[in-house]
Protein backbone atom coordinates (compact mmCIF):
# COMPACT_ATOMS: atom_id res chain seq x y z
CA UNK A 1 -29.31 15.44 -30.22
CA UNK A 2 -28.40 19.27 -31.59
CA UNK A 3 -25.63 21.15 -28.63
CA UNK A 4 -24.24 24.39 -29.38
CA UNK A 5 -21.45 25.63 -27.54
CA UNK A 6 -19.73 29.10 -26.65
CA UNK A 7 -16.07 29.38 -25.08
CA UNK A 8 -15.93 26.26 -27.40
CA UNK A 9 -12.02 27.38 -27.93
CA UNK A 10 -11.11 27.04 -23.92
CA UNK A 11 -9.58 24.09 -22.81
CA UNK A 12 -12.80 22.20 -21.78
CA UNK A 13 -14.87 23.43 -24.82
CA UNK A 14 -12.23 22.03 -27.31
CA UNK A 15 -12.24 19.11 -25.51
CA UNK A 16 -16.27 19.13 -24.72
CA UNK A 17 -16.37 19.44 -28.33
CA UNK A 18 -14.40 16.63 -29.33
CA UNK A 19 -16.11 14.07 -26.89
CA UNK A 20 -19.63 14.94 -28.20
CA UNK A 21 -18.94 14.27 -31.64
CA UNK A 22 -17.39 11.27 -31.17
CA UNK A 23 -20.28 9.97 -29.00
CA UNK A 24 -22.31 11.28 -32.18
CA UNK A 25 -24.25 14.58 -31.09
CA UNK A 26 -24.22 17.12 -33.60
CA UNK A 27 -22.56 20.96 -32.35
CA UNK A 28 -22.76 23.61 -33.51
CA UNK A 29 -19.79 26.94 -32.16
CA UNK A 30 -21.02 30.48 -31.76
CA UNK A 31 -18.12 32.36 -32.98
CA UNK A 32 -17.18 36.31 -32.73
CA UNK A 33 -16.13 38.49 -35.62
CA UNK A 34 -12.46 37.23 -36.91
CA UNK A 35 -12.69 34.18 -35.61
CA UNK A 36 -11.23 31.23 -37.00
CA UNK A 37 -12.86 29.09 -39.58
CA UNK A 38 -15.20 25.98 -37.75
CA UNK A 39 -15.16 22.93 -39.44
CA UNK A 40 -19.17 22.62 -38.15
CA UNK A 41 -22.16 25.14 -38.19
CA UNK A 42 -21.70 28.42 -36.70
CA UNK A 43 -23.25 31.05 -35.18
CA UNK A 44 -21.70 34.43 -35.97
CA UNK A 45 -22.39 36.58 -32.85
CA UNK A 46 -20.88 39.65 -31.02
CA UNK A 47 -22.14 39.09 -27.09
CA UNK A 48 -20.66 43.01 -26.11
CA UNK A 49 -22.69 44.84 -28.79
CA UNK A 50 -25.72 42.93 -28.21
CA UNK A 51 -25.94 40.55 -31.70
CA UNK A 52 -26.24 36.66 -32.71
CA UNK A 53 -27.01 36.07 -36.41
CA UNK A 54 -30.49 35.34 -36.83
CA UNK A 55 -30.01 34.06 -40.51
CA UNK A 56 -27.00 31.78 -38.43
CA UNK A 57 -30.15 30.42 -35.85
CA UNK A 58 -31.86 29.62 -38.71
CA UNK A 59 -29.89 27.43 -40.29
CA UNK A 60 -28.34 26.15 -37.01
CA UNK A 61 -31.88 24.28 -36.62
CA UNK A 62 -33.61 23.46 -33.15
CA UNK A 63 -30.91 23.55 -30.31
CA UNK A 64 -31.57 21.15 -27.97
CA UNK A 65 -28.47 21.88 -25.38
CA UNK A 66 -26.49 25.12 -25.67
CA UNK A 67 -23.52 25.06 -23.34
CA UNK A 68 -22.80 28.70 -22.40
CA UNK A 69 -18.26 28.08 -21.09
CA UNK A 70 -17.16 32.19 -22.36
CA UNK A 71 -15.31 34.50 -19.95
CA UNK A 72 -12.30 35.84 -19.86
CA UNK A 73 -9.49 34.00 -17.75
CA UNK A 74 -9.34 34.68 -13.83
CA UNK A 75 -5.45 34.06 -13.22
CA UNK A 76 -4.02 35.30 -17.12
CA UNK A 77 -3.53 38.71 -15.17
CA UNK A 78 -3.36 41.28 -12.71
CA UNK A 79 -6.58 42.09 -11.52
CA UNK A 80 -6.52 45.98 -11.97
CA UNK A 81 -9.84 47.59 -11.90
CA UNK A 82 -10.53 47.40 -15.49
CA UNK A 83 -8.92 43.12 -15.17
CA UNK A 84 -12.27 42.67 -13.35
CA UNK A 85 -14.53 44.29 -14.77
CA UNK A 86 -13.70 42.24 -18.15
CA UNK A 87 -13.92 39.55 -16.34
CA UNK A 88 -17.28 40.26 -14.67
CA UNK A 89 -18.08 42.24 -17.66
CA UNK A 90 -17.84 39.08 -20.50
CA UNK A 91 -19.97 36.75 -18.44
CA UNK A 92 -22.25 38.36 -18.33
CA UNK A 93 -22.56 39.94 -21.72
CA UNK A 94 -22.26 35.85 -23.30
CA UNK A 95 -25.42 35.16 -20.36
CA UNK A 96 -27.38 38.05 -20.78
CA UNK A 97 -27.48 37.25 -24.64
CA UNK A 98 -27.52 33.84 -25.10
CA UNK A 99 -30.70 33.32 -21.92
CA UNK A 100 -32.89 36.17 -24.76
CA UNK A 101 -31.74 34.34 -27.97
CA UNK A 102 -32.93 31.05 -26.57
CA UNK A 103 -36.30 32.50 -25.16
CA UNK A 104 -37.49 33.81 -28.64
CA UNK A 105 -36.39 30.12 -30.55
CA UNK A 106 -36.88 26.67 -30.41
CA UNK A 107 -39.79 27.24 -28.04
CA UNK A 108 -37.64 28.81 -25.55
CA UNK A 109 -37.26 25.27 -24.18
CA UNK A 110 -33.78 24.64 -25.19
CA UNK A 111 -31.91 23.30 -22.18
CA UNK A 112 -28.53 26.02 -21.44
CA UNK A 113 -25.96 24.43 -18.79
CA UNK A 114 -24.09 27.56 -17.93
CA UNK A 115 -20.01 27.97 -16.58
CA UNK A 116 -19.49 29.34 -12.80
CA UNK A 117 -16.84 28.19 -10.55
CA UNK A 118 -16.32 27.07 -7.06
CA UNK A 119 -15.17 30.61 -6.31
CA UNK A 120 -19.08 31.00 -5.36
CA UNK A 121 -18.57 30.13 -2.17
CA UNK A 122 -15.73 32.23 -1.29
CA UNK A 123 -13.36 30.58 1.73
CA UNK A 124 -14.60 28.78 3.57
CA UNK A 125 -11.70 27.05 5.60
CA UNK A 126 -12.91 23.80 6.33
CA UNK A 127 -16.73 23.80 6.18
CA UNK A 128 -18.24 21.40 4.19
CA UNK A 129 -19.41 22.93 0.45
CA UNK A 130 -22.69 21.32 -1.20
CA UNK A 131 -24.86 23.18 -3.71
CA UNK A 132 -27.46 24.02 -0.96
CA UNK A 133 -24.34 25.67 1.29
CA UNK A 134 -24.50 29.78 0.63
CA UNK A 135 -22.70 32.19 -1.06
CA UNK A 136 -19.00 33.39 0.27
CA UNK A 137 -18.14 37.07 -0.05
CA UNK A 138 -14.91 38.55 -1.94
CA UNK A 139 -15.38 39.48 -5.68
CA UNK A 140 -14.88 36.04 -7.16
CA UNK A 141 -17.86 35.18 -5.54
CA UNK A 142 -19.39 38.20 -6.84
CA UNK A 143 -19.14 37.09 -10.28
CA UNK A 144 -20.45 33.32 -9.71
CA UNK A 145 -23.90 34.99 -8.34
CA UNK A 146 -24.44 37.49 -10.99
CA UNK A 147 -22.77 35.08 -13.90
CA UNK A 148 -25.30 32.62 -12.28
CA UNK A 149 -28.05 35.23 -11.94
CA UNK A 150 -28.02 36.28 -15.13
CA UNK A 151 -28.69 32.57 -16.55
CA UNK A 152 -31.73 32.22 -15.29
CA UNK A 153 -34.97 32.13 -16.95
CA UNK A 154 -38.70 31.44 -16.72
CA UNK A 155 -38.72 28.92 -20.02
CA UNK A 156 -35.08 27.80 -20.85
CA UNK A 157 -33.87 24.44 -18.23
CA UNK A 158 -30.89 25.78 -16.82
CA UNK A 159 -27.92 24.06 -15.11
CA UNK A 160 -24.96 26.22 -13.87
CA UNK A 161 -22.32 24.20 -13.26
CA UNK A 162 -19.86 25.11 -10.11
CA UNK A 163 -16.41 24.41 -11.38
CA UNK A 164 -13.67 22.95 -9.35
CA UNK A 165 -9.43 23.42 -10.40
CA UNK A 166 -9.61 21.12 -13.62
CA UNK A 167 -6.85 19.40 -13.66
CA UNK A 168 -4.64 18.47 -16.66
CA UNK A 169 -1.14 19.14 -18.40
CA UNK A 170 -2.26 20.47 -21.41
CA UNK A 171 -3.57 23.93 -19.62
CA UNK A 172 -4.39 25.50 -16.81
CA UNK A 173 -3.06 25.98 -12.54
CA UNK A 174 -1.93 22.39 -12.99
CA UNK A 175 0.34 23.19 -16.70
CA UNK A 176 1.63 26.15 -14.56
CA UNK A 177 2.50 24.40 -12.00
CA UNK A 178 4.41 21.34 -13.60
CA UNK A 179 7.61 23.13 -15.16
CA UNK A 180 8.55 24.15 -11.21
CA UNK A 181 7.89 20.64 -10.02
CA UNK A 182 9.56 18.56 -12.35
CA UNK A 183 12.64 21.25 -11.81
CA UNK A 184 12.12 19.98 -7.42
CA UNK A 185 10.94 23.74 -6.65
CA UNK A 186 7.62 22.94 -6.39
CA UNK A 187 6.16 23.59 -1.91
CA UNK A 188 2.95 24.55 -0.34
CA UNK A 189 1.24 28.00 -0.90
CA UNK A 190 0.95 30.00 2.08
CA UNK A 191 0.07 27.57 5.12
CA UNK A 192 -0.61 24.89 3.36
CA UNK A 193 -4.07 23.88 5.22
CA UNK A 194 -6.21 25.63 2.84
CA UNK A 195 -8.13 23.22 1.09
CA UNK A 196 -8.59 22.62 -2.93
CA UNK A 197 -11.57 20.79 -5.20
CA UNK A 198 -9.76 19.53 -8.25
CA UNK A 199 -11.54 17.14 -10.47
CA UNK A 200 -9.77 15.65 -13.52
CA UNK A 201 -9.88 16.73 -16.99
CA UNK A 202 -11.59 13.51 -18.24
CA UNK A 203 -14.06 14.15 -15.41
CA UNK A 204 -15.00 17.29 -16.18
CA UNK A 205 -16.46 16.16 -19.74
CA UNK A 206 -18.14 13.15 -18.25
CA UNK A 207 -19.97 14.97 -15.99
CA UNK A 208 -21.20 17.67 -18.27
CA UNK A 209 -22.27 15.14 -21.09
CA UNK A 210 -23.69 13.17 -17.90
CA UNK A 211 -25.70 16.37 -17.04
CA UNK A 212 -26.75 16.72 -20.67
CA UNK A 213 -28.03 12.72 -20.90
CA UNK A 214 -30.00 13.31 -17.74
CA UNK A 215 -31.19 16.54 -18.40
CA UNK A 216 -30.41 18.23 -15.24
CA UNK A 217 -30.91 21.74 -14.05
CA UNK A 218 -30.08 23.65 -11.03
CA UNK A 219 -26.35 24.18 -9.65
CA UNK A 220 -23.88 21.79 -9.95
CA UNK A 221 -20.66 20.92 -8.12
CA UNK A 222 -17.77 20.05 -10.46
CA UNK A 223 -15.60 18.45 -8.01
CA UNK A 224 -13.62 15.16 -6.76
CA UNK A 225 -15.47 13.70 -4.18
CA UNK A 226 -12.60 13.75 -2.30
CA UNK A 227 -11.25 17.20 -1.94
CA UNK A 228 -7.46 17.78 -0.13
CA UNK A 229 -5.52 20.12 1.52
CA UNK A 230 -2.75 22.13 -0.27
CA UNK A 231 0.16 20.77 1.71
CA UNK A 232 -1.35 16.86 0.57
CA UNK A 233 -1.76 17.72 -2.89
CA UNK A 234 1.61 19.41 -3.01
CA UNK A 235 3.35 16.46 -1.56
CA UNK A 236 1.19 14.32 -3.57
CA UNK A 237 1.94 15.87 -7.27
CA UNK A 238 6.14 16.12 -5.77
CA UNK A 239 5.21 12.12 -5.31
CA UNK A 240 4.01 10.84 -8.41
CA UNK A 241 6.94 13.76 -10.00
CA UNK A 242 9.28 11.79 -8.11
CA UNK A 243 10.26 15.01 -7.07
CA UNK A 244 11.26 16.88 -3.93
CA UNK A 245 8.78 19.79 -3.38
CA UNK A 246 9.82 21.92 0.08
CA UNK A 247 10.14 25.23 -1.43
CA UNK A 248 7.08 26.85 0.69
CA UNK A 249 5.99 30.07 -1.58
CA UNK A 250 5.29 32.25 1.81
CA UNK A 251 1.62 34.65 1.75
CA UNK A 252 3.49 37.90 1.83
CA UNK A 253 5.30 36.50 -1.34
CA UNK A 254 2.58 35.65 -2.80
CA UNK A 255 0.38 38.95 -2.14
CA UNK A 256 3.45 40.84 -3.82
CA UNK A 257 3.39 38.60 -7.04
CA UNK A 258 -0.46 39.14 -7.79
CA UNK A 259 -1.34 41.33 -5.62
CA UNK A 260 -3.12 40.81 -2.58
CA UNK A 261 -7.10 40.14 -3.70
CA UNK A 262 -6.14 37.93 -6.39
CA UNK A 263 -3.39 36.25 -4.49
CA UNK A 264 -6.00 36.05 -1.31
CA UNK A 265 -9.20 34.76 -3.86
CA UNK A 266 -6.72 32.31 -6.05
CA UNK A 267 -4.21 30.19 -3.98
CA UNK A 268 -5.19 31.50 -0.69
CA UNK A 269 -8.56 30.40 -0.88
CA UNK A 270 -9.65 27.48 0.89
CA UNK A 271 -13.28 25.35 0.01
CA UNK A 272 -13.83 22.27 0.57
CA UNK A 273 -16.44 21.53 -2.07
CA UNK A 274 -18.79 18.48 -2.68
CA UNK A 275 -20.33 16.94 -5.49
CA UNK A 276 -23.19 16.43 -3.49
CA UNK A 277 -26.12 16.42 -6.69
CA UNK A 278 -24.14 14.60 -8.85
CA UNK A 279 -23.34 11.69 -6.68
CA UNK A 280 -26.78 11.39 -6.39
CA UNK A 281 -27.53 11.43 -9.93
CA UNK A 282 -25.30 8.69 -10.37
CA UNK A 283 -22.59 10.03 -11.22
CA UNK A 284 -19.56 7.56 -11.10
CA UNK A 285 -16.39 9.43 -11.50
CA UNK A 286 -13.33 7.91 -13.07
CA UNK A 287 -10.61 9.84 -10.68
CA UNK A 288 -12.40 10.25 -7.31
CA UNK A 289 -9.41 10.80 -5.44
CA UNK A 290 -6.30 12.70 -5.63
CA UNK A 291 -3.12 10.80 -6.57
CA UNK A 292 -4.63 8.59 -9.61
CA UNK A 293 -6.33 11.85 -10.74
CA UNK A 294 -2.51 13.70 -10.88
CA UNK A 295 -1.35 10.12 -12.12
CA UNK A 296 -3.99 10.89 -14.74
CA UNK A 297 -3.54 14.39 -15.41
CA UNK A 298 0.25 14.97 -15.28
CA UNK A 299 0.12 12.25 -18.47
CA UNK A 300 -2.80 13.66 -20.41
């Protein structure tokens, strides 16, 4: 298949394009002005200007699948009003442009796999959350709802993938935690009772390929089938690294460091997410449980 990626320079995007090419798919990358040269065909675009190169689209040929992973980092910087506008706008601009473009080419029948996140559900305590669960409250839930709405189309086959916390030492949350934990300075966040929904980077990529192969549509949770509490995660990571982890980070300190809203929605949020539709479609996780997941992640 010919598969195009938007957001191919990110952690998940780089791993996905490598695997797509390894298994024999033809890949195309959407690139912004000034982007580094690519060893594969590209389609120039500028989402904030609503521009995509029609000549590049024609050269690329029919696109069977488009995977949209674009969006400004959620946890990269403190949330100012300007940063929040960028987080939302960067997702809506890219998604709106992709949908309108794809509806006009290839007969409007491409399979769009659009990123979303478990932030859709908001903080829900110990409630088990499936794709049928209602949306939550808060900034990230608002972003995910708007993002998923922008991906809907009358002609495209659309899957929205609600990804949990992707685990790898290469980047993301774990890469930020590892230096402290290796020094024995890790510990639970807040009460430690909040639920986390992690997934290894390997299973994230395998799940995306599974969605492509099975032509799945609709909302799909991408998280390991056994979510854990923050305390359990902390204890297990410390054991995997053979380090103590007793320095609890109190809620007030996290709120001072990040701001109350960002701390509540990124570090203190409780989401017990289950990958119901993924499992029902026949997907098998390589790392369904926390310990093997973390053992893989700290090595990869």
